[in-house]
Structure formats: C-alpha cells, structure tokens
Amino acid sequence: MPKGIGELTPLQTLKKFVVGTRTGGEVGGLDELNGLIGLRGELTIESLTNAVPVDLYVLKKQSCLQSLILKWNERDDNGDYSSTNKDEEILEKLCPHPNLKKLEIHHYGGLKLSSWLSSITNLAEISLAGCWRCEYLPSLHQLPALKKLHILNCPNLKAIDIEKEEEEWPCFPCLSHLEILDCPNLTRMPLFPTVEQKLSLQRTSSQALVRTMKKAAPDTEEHMSSSYSCPPLSKLTHLKLEGIDDLESLPEEGMHNLTSLQELFIFECPRLASLPQAVQHLPSLQTSNIWRCPQLSTERCSENEEEDIISLDFQKTSMGSAYPYCPKCSGQITKKVILRRRIPGQPQLGMFP
C-alpha cells in the first residue's frame, strides 16, 4: 500500500490492504492502519508474510469494523519454520476492537493464536484455515456470542484451551454451526451441545462428539435462563462424519436426543462397527447415507418387503467400496437403500449414493 494512506482518517471503506515485499520510501507498512480509525464493514489484509512487526496495536481504534480477514501467504508443511515467531508478533499487533463480529485467519504460521482472540466478546463467527503449525487455540468457549466456528486444515492442532483430560468439560455457550476438517490431532476441545444448524467433522477425532453426546441433559430449573437448556444436540438438523478413524460407535443415550436430525451422513469411518438402535426411531430423519464403513455389520433383516428393513450388513468389495448386503436373503440389495421404513406416510430414511 502507498505510504501516507494512514493519513486518510475519514476513510470508511477499504476492502483490501496488501502488504508489500518491502517498506520505506513510497511503500507503507502495517502501521498505516493505525490512522484509519473510520474504517467500517469488511477489511482483508493480504500477504502478511511480508509484514514487518510493529510496536502499535494498529486495529484497536476501528470500532465500526465488522469483519476482518487476515491472510498470510500459503505455505506447505515443509515451509520455513523461522517465520513462526514473526507471525505471532504480527498477529498480536492486529488485535481488533471488541465490536468485531467476524474473523478469518488463513495460513498463519505461529504455534498458537494470540490470547486476545478470547477477549473479542462480540465475535459471532471464526474461521481458521491452513494454520499448519498451530497447536493450541485460546479459550473460544469464553466468547458469549460465538455461533459459527470453522477450523480447516490445521494438521498439528491438538487442543482448544484444554491441556489435559477433565472431569467436567467446558461448553460453547451458543454455538450453532461447527465444521472441523483435516485436524487429525484435535482431541481436546469444549463441548458443543447447542449446535443446531450443521455439525460436520471430517478427518478429525470423534472424542469431542462422543463426550458431547454423552453429556447429561441440563437440570431444567437450574438452566431456565441459559441458552443450554435442552438435551445435547437436540436441535441439530444435519450431521456429517467423514474419515473419522477413531469412531467405533455412537452412544445410544446421545442418539436418543437427536430428535431434530434431518440428515445423517457417515462416510469412510473404518472402525465404525455398530450404530445405535435409536437411529431408526429419530422422528425427523429424512436422509441417511452410510458409505464405506467396512466394519459396520448387523444381524437383523426383514425378508418381507412390507415390513421395516431395520439393518443391513455391509460387504466390502475388491475396490474398497461398501454395498448393502442382506444376510438373510444371502445377496446384495439391488435397491439403493441403506435404511428404510415401510411406514405409510413416513419419508424414506436413506438413499445409498
């Protein structure tokens, strides 16, 4: 960005601030942002890999800024680790005003995120992507307005504010949408009983999900004024589990609570050996796709097409795919059905992809 842009104090709209490969002369640095106190709406800061650490907190005065997107240059797992400390210094000085509602961080190279993240109390949505070295996140469950959390491709991430196993796990207070993708080492994080729109876990651990499902329903009188006043995940409508290597089963007691679930998708979970019986009695379930789970096997099947098809075995082919297999009929099911109810007036439960 040109040197002197920070003197445009009345400026309200600046969609993108690109950090140059050098500063000085006619090129301005991050400190130019300190003077742009009138910025509002959304701001994207790109090429932070080129940034030089500054002494000022350059975004603390922008009280009308609603959305902030921070982008470092994309790096692979074998990238230059010497930038770790610099990335942490730069992120620390990019602390926004507490009024910020949405934050995205891409390709950050630090080992941990700045502690200020848990103090931006109006944050409603956080997205982290490609933070390839990050191992720990601060106390995100202390954000009272956080509704959407996306964590994508953070292969070394181990925990969100939890250093060891705990008897009483903290909970996100009002999280309604959670997506975790390609975070295989993330085993410790707050529970998420209030998620209602979408829960998508892909190539990560199932431990937090199982703990959440097993969490006891809150005492009605004690939680009358709390957002967490219903059984865990009782408002969840869409659940997707893909490539979850440590998932062996889902807790029966937790599955009973999924009374709002409309869509269930389970794909490539190699250790999944059983499904709770409760999955067949979920009142809102409309679609159930279960695919490539070679250990999943059941014993009951109805030969009468007018009765419920309650459960099916899965036969693994030489190509590694799994197809529905009926043990009583001794043959592969030709219809594209995984779980189906033959109940008049009720929707079909599942279509095999």
Protein backbone atom coordinates (compact mmCIF):
# COMPACT_ATOMS: atom_id res chain seq x y z
CA MET A 1 0.00 0.00 0.00
CA PRO A 2 1.22 3.55 -0.66
CA LYS A 3 2.91 5.37 2.17
CA GLY A 4 0.66 8.00 3.73
CA ILE A 5 -2.64 6.15 3.29
CA GLY A 6 -2.95 6.17 7.07
CA GLU A 7 -3.49 9.93 6.95
CA LEU A 8 -6.90 9.42 5.32
CA THR A 9 -8.60 9.33 8.69
CA PRO A 10 -12.15 9.90 7.31
CA LEU A 11 -11.83 6.83 5.02
CA GLN A 12 -14.66 4.41 5.75
CA THR A 13 -14.25 1.70 3.09
CA LEU A 14 -11.04 -0.16 2.40
CA LYS A 15 -11.77 -3.64 1.11
CA LYS A 16 -8.17 -4.81 0.86
CA PHE A 17 -4.82 -3.84 2.37
CA VAL A 18 -1.91 -5.65 0.67
CA VAL A 19 1.43 -5.75 2.47
CA GLY A 20 4.29 -5.14 0.05
CA THR A 21 7.54 -7.06 -0.14
CA ARG A 22 9.39 -4.04 1.19
CA THR A 23 8.57 -0.95 3.21
CA GLY A 24 10.07 2.51 3.30
CA GLY A 25 10.23 5.12 0.59
CA GLU A 26 6.83 5.13 -1.10
CA VAL A 27 5.60 1.85 0.44
CA GLY A 28 3.66 1.89 3.69
CA GLY A 29 3.65 -0.80 6.39
CA LEU A 30 1.06 -2.14 8.81
CA ASP A 31 1.37 0.97 10.97
CA GLU A 32 -0.57 2.88 8.28
CA LEU A 33 -3.70 1.11 9.52
CA ASN A 34 -3.46 2.85 12.88
CA GLY A 35 -4.67 6.13 11.38
CA LEU A 36 -7.67 4.66 9.54
CA ILE A 37 -9.99 4.89 12.52
CA GLY A 38 -13.11 5.40 10.40
CA LEU A 39 -12.99 2.01 8.67
CA ARG A 40 -16.24 0.07 8.72
CA GLY A 41 -17.64 -3.08 7.14
CA GLU A 42 -15.07 -5.67 6.00
CA LEU A 43 -11.29 -5.41 5.73
CA THR A 44 -8.94 -8.00 4.20
CA ILE A 45 -5.22 -7.78 4.94
CA GLU A 46 -3.21 -9.89 2.48
CA SER A 47 0.42 -11.02 2.15
CA LEU A 48 1.10 -10.75 5.88
CA THR A 49 4.11 -12.98 5.26
CA ASN A 50 5.79 -9.82 4.00
CA ALA A 51 4.91 -7.75 7.05
CA VAL A 52 7.43 -6.31 9.46
CA PRO A 53 6.46 -6.39 13.18
CA VAL A 54 5.25 -3.04 14.51
CA ASP A 55 5.00 -1.57 18.00
CA LEU A 56 1.42 -0.32 17.71
CA TYR A 57 -1.89 -2.17 18.00
CA VAL A 58 -3.00 -0.99 14.60
CA LEU A 59 -6.70 -2.03 14.62
CA LYS A 60 -7.85 -1.29 18.16
CA LYS A 61 -9.49 2.05 17.29
CA GLN A 62 -11.65 0.79 14.38
CA SER A 63 -14.85 0.36 16.39
CA CYS A 64 -17.08 0.17 13.28
CA LEU A 65 -15.15 -2.66 11.62
CA GLN A 66 -17.42 -5.72 11.42
CA SER A 67 -15.35 -8.32 9.57
CA LEU A 68 -11.58 -8.89 9.45
CA ILE A 69 -9.78 -11.36 7.14
CA LEU A 70 -6.06 -11.95 7.77
CA LYS A 71 -4.09 -13.80 5.10
CA TRP A 72 -0.51 -14.98 5.15
CA ASN A 73 1.00 -16.49 2.01
CA GLU A 74 0.20 -20.16 1.59
CA ARG A 75 2.99 -22.49 2.72
CA ASP A 76 3.32 -26.28 2.76
CA ASP A 77 4.23 -28.50 5.71
CA ASN A 78 7.91 -28.27 4.81
CA GLY A 79 7.92 -24.48 4.82
CA ASP A 80 10.27 -22.11 6.61
CA TYR A 81 9.73 -22.55 10.36
CA SER A 82 11.82 -19.48 11.16
CA SER A 83 8.78 -17.30 10.47
CA THR A 84 6.87 -18.73 13.44
CA ASN A 85 7.84 -16.07 15.98
CA LYS A 86 7.38 -13.26 13.46
CA ASP A 87 3.88 -14.44 12.60
CA GLU A 88 2.97 -14.49 16.30
CA GLU A 89 4.33 -10.96 16.79
CA ILE A 90 2.39 -9.63 13.83
CA LEU A 91 -0.89 -11.28 14.84
CA GLU A 92 -0.55 -9.89 18.36
CA LYS A 93 -0.48 -6.31 16.99
CA LEU A 94 -3.53 -6.94 14.78
CA CYS A 95 -5.83 -7.17 17.78
CA PRO A 96 -9.16 -5.67 16.64
CA HIS A 97 -11.74 -3.64 18.53
CA PRO A 98 -14.12 -5.78 20.67
CA ASN A 99 -17.00 -4.80 18.36
CA LEU A 100 -15.69 -7.09 15.61
CA LYS A 101 -18.22 -9.78 14.65
CA LYS A 102 -16.39 -11.98 12.12
CA LEU A 103 -12.75 -13.09 11.96
CA GLU A 104 -10.92 -15.23 9.39
CA ILE A 105 -7.26 -16.28 9.62
CA HIS A 106 -5.57 -18.05 6.69
CA HIS A 107 -2.15 -19.76 6.52
CA TYR A 108 -0.90 -18.35 9.82
CA GLY A 109 2.45 -19.92 10.77
CA GLY A 110 2.54 -19.46 14.55
CA LEU A 111 2.36 -22.26 17.13
CA LYS A 112 -0.52 -20.59 18.96
CA LEU A 113 -3.04 -17.85 18.35
CA SER A 114 -2.93 -14.60 20.30
CA SER A 115 -4.74 -14.55 23.62
CA TRP A 116 -6.74 -11.50 22.51
CA LEU A 117 -8.92 -13.83 20.43
CA SER A 118 -10.90 -14.86 23.51
CA SER A 119 -11.48 -11.20 24.51
CA ILE A 120 -13.31 -10.04 21.36
CA THR A 121 -16.65 -10.53 23.03
CA ASN A 122 -18.88 -9.71 20.06
CA LEU A 123 -17.33 -12.30 17.74
CA ALA A 124 -20.11 -14.40 16.19
CA GLU A 125 -18.07 -16.27 13.57
CA ILE A 126 -14.47 -17.54 13.45
CA SER A 127 -12.77 -19.30 10.54
CA LEU A 128 -9.26 -20.72 10.69
CA ALA A 129 -7.77 -22.31 7.56
CA GLY A 130 -4.35 -23.68 6.73
CA CYS A 131 -2.76 -22.75 10.06
CA TRP A 132 -0.29 -25.55 9.52
CA ARG A 133 1.89 -25.13 12.65
CA CYS A 134 -0.75 -24.04 15.15
CA GLU A 135 -1.06 -26.45 18.10
CA TYR A 136 -3.32 -24.62 20.55
CA LEU A 137 -6.21 -22.17 20.43
CA PRO A 138 -7.22 -19.86 23.29
CA SER A 139 -10.46 -20.02 25.29
CA LEU A 140 -13.00 -19.77 22.50
CA HIS A 141 -15.80 -21.02 24.76
CA GLN A 142 -15.49 -17.73 26.67
CA LEU A 143 -16.90 -15.86 23.66
CA PRO A 144 -20.58 -15.35 24.59
CA ALA A 145 -21.77 -14.52 21.05
CA LEU A 146 -19.86 -17.18 19.06
CA LYS A 147 -22.31 -19.02 16.79
CA LYS A 148 -20.18 -20.33 13.90
CA LEU A 149 -16.77 -21.99 14.11
CA HIS A 150 -14.84 -23.35 11.11
CA ILE A 151 -11.42 -24.98 11.59
CA LEU A 152 -9.95 -26.30 8.34
CA ASN A 153 -6.63 -27.95 7.55
CA CYS A 154 -4.79 -27.42 10.82
CA PRO A 155 -2.95 -30.76 10.97
CA ASN A 156 -0.97 -30.05 14.18
CA LEU A 157 -3.81 -28.58 16.21
CA LYS A 158 -4.14 -30.52 19.47
CA ALA A 159 -6.42 -28.59 21.77
CA ILE A 160 -8.70 -25.62 22.28
CA ASP A 161 -7.86 -24.22 25.72
CA ILE A 162 -7.71 -27.67 27.35
CA GLU A 163 -4.30 -29.03 28.33
CA LYS A 164 -5.40 -32.36 29.81
CA GLU A 165 -8.40 -34.62 30.28
CA GLU A 166 -11.03 -33.08 32.53
CA GLU A 167 -13.94 -34.46 34.52
CA GLU A 168 -16.18 -31.51 33.68
CA TRP A 169 -15.56 -30.28 30.17
CA PRO A 170 -16.47 -26.64 29.37
CA CYS A 171 -19.11 -25.93 26.71
CA PHE A 172 -19.53 -23.39 23.95
CA PRO A 173 -22.48 -21.31 25.21
CA CYS A 174 -24.39 -20.73 21.96
CA LEU A 175 -22.51 -22.37 19.08
CA SER A 176 -24.99 -23.31 16.32
CA HIS A 177 -22.68 -24.29 13.44
CA LEU A 178 -19.44 -26.28 13.74
CA GLU A 179 -17.15 -27.50 10.96
CA ILE A 180 -13.80 -29.22 11.57
CA LEU A 181 -11.87 -30.52 8.57
CA ASP A 182 -8.41 -32.14 8.38
CA CYS A 183 -7.44 -31.69 12.03
CA PRO A 184 -6.49 -35.29 12.91
CA ASN A 185 -4.82 -34.44 16.24
CA LEU A 186 -7.58 -32.29 17.72
CA THR A 187 -8.78 -34.41 20.64
CA ARG A 188 -9.39 -31.82 23.40
CA MET A 189 -11.90 -29.05 22.96
CA PRO A 190 -15.01 -27.63 24.65
CA LEU A 191 -18.28 -29.48 24.13
CA PHE A 192 -20.89 -28.19 21.71
CA PRO A 193 -24.38 -29.21 22.93
CA THR A 194 -26.14 -26.21 21.33
CA VAL A 195 -25.11 -26.87 17.70
CA GLU A 196 -28.30 -26.90 15.65
CA GLN A 197 -27.72 -25.97 12.01
CA LYS A 198 -24.82 -28.16 10.92
CA LEU A 199 -22.19 -30.33 12.54
CA SER A 200 -19.51 -31.52 10.12
CA LEU A 201 -16.47 -33.48 11.28
CA GLN A 202 -14.09 -34.69 8.59
CA ARG A 203 -10.74 -36.38 9.16
CA THR A 204 -10.56 -35.39 12.78
CA SER A 205 -11.15 -37.11 16.13
CA SER A 206 -14.58 -38.19 17.35
CA GLN A 207 -13.73 -37.71 21.04
CA ALA A 208 -15.39 -34.31 21.45
CA LEU A 209 -18.52 -35.53 19.65
CA VAL A 210 -18.84 -38.60 21.85
CA ARG A 211 -18.33 -36.53 25.01
CA THR A 212 -20.97 -34.05 23.86
CA MET A 213 -23.49 -36.79 23.09
CA LYS A 214 -22.88 -38.40 26.48
CA LYS A 215 -23.30 -35.14 28.37
CA ALA A 216 -26.24 -35.26 30.71
CA ALA A 217 -29.23 -33.08 29.90
CA PRO A 218 -29.24 -29.88 32.00
CA ASP A 219 -31.40 -29.54 35.04
CA THR A 220 -34.48 -27.61 33.90
CA GLU A 221 -34.74 -25.28 36.89
CA GLU A 222 -31.02 -24.59 37.02
CA HIS A 223 -30.78 -23.64 33.34
CA MET A 224 -34.07 -21.83 32.73
CA SER A 225 -32.22 -18.64 31.71
CA SER A 226 -29.34 -20.38 29.91
CA SER A 227 -29.01 -20.95 26.17
CA TYR A 228 -28.06 -24.52 27.05
CA SER A 229 -31.47 -25.57 28.34
CA CYS A 230 -32.17 -28.60 26.10
CA PRO A 231 -30.64 -32.08 25.83
CA PRO A 232 -27.31 -32.03 23.94
CA LEU A 233 -27.68 -31.69 20.16
CA SER A 234 -31.46 -31.96 20.38
CA LYS A 235 -31.81 -29.11 17.84
CA LEU A 236 -29.20 -30.44 15.40
CA THR A 237 -30.57 -30.88 11.87
CA HIS A 238 -27.53 -32.01 9.82
CA LEU A 239 -24.72 -34.34 10.94
CA LYS A 240 -21.79 -35.31 8.71
CA LEU A 241 -18.98 -37.65 9.80
CA GLU A 242 -16.29 -38.45 7.26
CA GLY A 243 -12.92 -40.15 7.59
CA ILE A 244 -13.14 -40.40 11.39
CA ASP A 245 -10.52 -43.07 12.14
CA ASP A 246 -11.20 -43.41 15.88
CA LEU A 247 -15.01 -43.67 15.64
CA GLU A 248 -16.11 -47.15 16.72
CA SER A 249 -19.68 -46.42 17.77
CA LEU A 250 -22.06 -43.62 18.67
CA PRO A 251 -23.53 -43.57 22.20
CA GLU A 252 -27.09 -44.87 22.38
CA GLU A 253 -28.07 -42.36 25.08
CA GLY A 254 -26.86 -39.46 22.96
CA MET A 255 -28.54 -40.64 19.78
CA HIS A 256 -31.95 -40.52 21.50
CA ASN A 257 -31.53 -36.77 21.88
CA LEU A 258 -31.21 -36.10 18.14
CA THR A 259 -34.92 -35.51 17.71
CA SER A 260 -34.47 -32.70 15.16
CA LEU A 261 -31.93 -34.52 12.96
CA GLN A 262 -33.00 -34.48 9.31
CA GLU A 263 -29.84 -35.67 7.57
CA LEU A 264 -27.21 -38.18 8.69
CA PHE A 265 -24.09 -38.73 6.57
CA ILE A 266 -21.37 -41.21 7.61
CA PHE A 267 -18.58 -41.90 5.14
CA GLU A 268 -15.27 -43.81 5.34
CA CYS A 269 -15.15 -44.48 9.08
CA PRO A 270 -13.01 -47.64 9.05
CA ARG A 271 -13.57 -48.67 12.71
CA LEU A 272 -17.28 -47.98 12.95
CA ALA A 273 -18.69 -51.37 13.97
CA SER A 274 -22.24 -50.56 15.07
CA LEU A 275 -24.99 -47.97 15.03
CA PRO A 276 -27.35 -47.33 17.95
CA GLN A 277 -30.84 -48.74 17.59
CA ALA A 278 -32.10 -45.23 18.28
CA VAL A 279 -31.07 -44.14 14.79
CA GLN A 280 -34.11 -45.97 13.44
CA HIS A 281 -36.53 -44.07 15.63
CA LEU A 282 -35.44 -40.48 15.07
CA PRO A 283 -38.69 -38.65 14.28
CA SER A 284 -37.29 -36.00 11.92
CA LEU A 285 -34.76 -38.07 9.98
CA GLN A 286 -35.29 -37.85 6.22
CA THR A 287 -31.97 -38.90 4.70
CA SER A 288 -29.38 -41.35 5.99
CA ASN A 289 -26.26 -42.02 3.89
CA ILE A 290 -23.79 -44.53 5.28
CA TRP A 291 -20.99 -45.48 2.93
CA ARG A 292 -17.63 -47.26 3.00
CA CYS A 293 -17.69 -48.36 6.63
CA PRO A 294 -16.29 -51.90 6.22
CA GLN A 295 -16.61 -52.92 9.89
CA LEU A 296 -20.28 -51.99 10.13
CA SER A 297 -22.32 -55.14 10.48
CA THR A 298 -25.72 -56.04 11.90
CA GLU A 299 -27.74 -59.19 12.14
CA ARG A 300 -31.39 -58.30 11.70
CA CYS A 301 -33.18 -58.01 8.39
CA SER A 302 -36.75 -58.47 7.23
CA GLU A 303 -37.44 -60.71 4.23
CA ASN A 304 -40.91 -59.27 3.94
CA GLU A 305 -40.86 -56.11 1.84
CA GLU A 306 -43.94 -54.86 3.67
CA GLU A 307 -42.07 -54.79 6.98
CA ASP A 308 -39.33 -52.48 8.14
CA ILE A 309 -35.83 -53.07 6.85
CA ILE A 310 -34.13 -52.40 10.14
CA SER A 311 -30.48 -53.13 9.49
CA LEU A 312 -28.10 -54.31 6.81
CA ASP A 313 -24.64 -55.78 6.63
CA PHE A 314 -22.01 -54.09 4.52
CA GLN A 315 -19.92 -56.17 2.14
CA LYS A 316 -16.54 -54.76 1.16
CA THR A 317 -15.64 -55.19 -2.49
CA SER A 318 -12.20 -55.53 -4.02
CA MET A 319 -12.38 -51.83 -4.89
CA GLY A 320 -12.77 -50.92 -1.23
CA SER A 321 -16.37 -49.77 -1.56
CA ALA A 322 -19.12 -50.98 0.74
CA TYR A 323 -22.52 -52.05 -0.52
CA PRO A 324 -25.67 -53.02 1.40
CA TYR A 325 -25.86 -56.75 1.96
CA CYS A 326 -28.78 -58.70 3.37
CA PRO A 327 -27.62 -61.68 5.49
CA LYS A 328 -31.00 -63.47 5.44
CA CYS A 329 -31.52 -63.06 1.73
CA SER A 330 -27.88 -64.07 1.11
CA GLY A 331 -27.43 -61.48 -1.55
CA GLN A 332 -26.62 -57.91 -2.27
CA ILE A 333 -29.51 -55.46 -2.05
CA THR A 334 -30.12 -54.13 -5.54
CA LYS A 335 -32.25 -51.17 -4.46
CA LYS A 336 -30.32 -48.08 -3.46
CA VAL A 337 -31.47 -48.16 0.14
CA ILE A 338 -29.43 -48.15 3.32
CA LEU A 339 -32.04 -47.68 5.99
CA ARG A 340 -35.71 -47.64 5.10
CA ARG A 341 -39.05 -47.53 6.86
CA ARG A 342 -42.12 -49.14 5.38
CA ILE A 343 -44.47 -46.95 7.37
CA PRO A 344 -47.34 -45.26 5.49
CA GLY A 345 -46.97 -41.52 5.37
CA GLN A 346 -43.33 -41.54 6.54
CA PRO A 347 -40.42 -40.44 4.31
CA GLN A 348 -37.76 -42.86 3.14
CA LEU A 349 -34.85 -42.75 5.56
CA GLY A 350 -31.88 -43.26 3.37
CA MET A 351 -30.60 -43.44 -0.15
CA PHE A 352 -27.33 -45.17 -0.93
CA PRO A 353 -25.16 -42.85 -3.03
